[in-house]
Amino acid sequence: MMKWKNGSVKSFRARGGYTVSIDWKAGKGVSAVVTADRDSVVPVVFRGERRIAHLKAGEPQEFEFTF
């Protein structure tokens, strides 16, 4: 369980060469921004919602999550 109902994490590094930022409200994720070090195609999965991301190196891509 999250201790903070609203908040964000900015620019953490993920395995494989990605920088990720996440925002949440009312204890649920609402958006994420992923930036890749190199061009790649990766799945983005959050609470069962899956999207395929076609990332270009250095270009942030934003994902909105609806629940």
Protein backbone atom coordinates (compact mmCIF):
# COMPACT_ATOMS: atom_id res chain seq x y z
CA MET A 1 0.00 0.00 0.00
CA MET A 2 1.28 3.47 -0.89
CA LYS A 3 1.85 5.83 2.01
CA TRP A 4 1.41 8.89 -0.21
CA LYS A 5 -1.96 9.28 -1.90
CA ASN A 6 -0.61 11.84 -4.37
CA GLY A 7 2.92 12.22 -5.65
CA SER A 8 5.52 11.56 -8.27
CA VAL A 9 8.91 10.03 -8.94
CA LYS A 10 11.05 11.77 -11.53
CA SER A 11 13.90 10.52 -13.71
CA PHE A 12 14.71 7.15 -12.19
CA ARG A 13 16.79 4.78 -14.29
CA ALA A 14 15.34 1.44 -15.37
CA ARG A 15 17.24 -1.60 -16.56
CA GLY A 16 17.95 -1.62 -20.28
CA GLY A 17 18.68 2.08 -20.68
CA TYR A 18 15.43 3.86 -19.81
CA THR A 19 14.58 6.92 -17.74
CA VAL A 20 11.12 6.82 -16.17
CA SER A 21 8.93 9.36 -14.36
CA ILE A 22 5.59 8.41 -12.77
CA ASP A 23 2.74 10.49 -11.29
CA TRP A 24 -0.07 9.15 -9.12
CA LYS A 25 -3.26 10.51 -7.55
CA ALA A 26 -5.51 8.93 -4.95
CA GLY A 27 -2.97 6.09 -4.63
CA LYS A 28 -3.19 5.11 -8.34
CA GLY A 29 -0.80 5.76 -11.20
CA VAL A 30 -2.14 8.24 -13.71
CA SER A 31 0.77 8.88 -16.06
CA ALA A 32 4.31 7.89 -16.91
CA VAL A 33 7.01 9.32 -19.16
CA VAL A 34 9.62 6.94 -20.59
CA THR A 35 12.76 8.03 -22.42
CA ALA A 36 15.03 5.42 -24.04
CA ASP A 37 18.78 5.66 -24.55
CA ARG A 38 18.36 3.92 -27.92
CA ASP A 39 15.52 3.19 -30.36
CA SER A 40 13.47 0.27 -29.02
CA VAL A 41 10.09 -1.42 -28.93
CA VAL A 42 9.01 -2.38 -25.41
CA PRO A 43 5.83 -3.29 -23.57
CA VAL A 44 4.64 -0.82 -20.94
CA VAL A 45 2.44 -2.56 -18.35
CA PHE A 46 0.77 -0.87 -15.41
CA ARG A 47 -1.95 -2.49 -13.29
CA GLY A 48 -2.82 -4.91 -16.07
CA GLU A 49 -3.05 -2.27 -18.79
CA ARG A 50 -0.52 -3.11 -21.51
CA ARG A 51 0.72 -0.91 -24.34
CA ILE A 52 3.48 -1.40 -26.87
CA ALA A 53 5.83 1.58 -27.01
CA HIS A 54 7.92 2.42 -30.05
CA LEU A 55 10.56 4.61 -28.44
CA LYS A 56 13.04 6.83 -30.27
CA ALA A 57 16.35 7.50 -28.55
CA GLY A 58 16.20 10.63 -26.42
CA GLU A 59 12.53 11.41 -27.17
CA PRO A 60 10.23 11.24 -24.11
CA GLN A 61 6.98 9.35 -24.62
CA GLU A 62 4.07 9.97 -22.26
CA PHE A 63 1.50 7.36 -21.25
CA GLU A 64 -1.80 8.19 -19.59
CA PHE A 65 -3.50 5.46 -17.56
CA THR A 66 -7.26 5.37 -17.00
CA PHE A 67 -8.98 3.25 -14.39
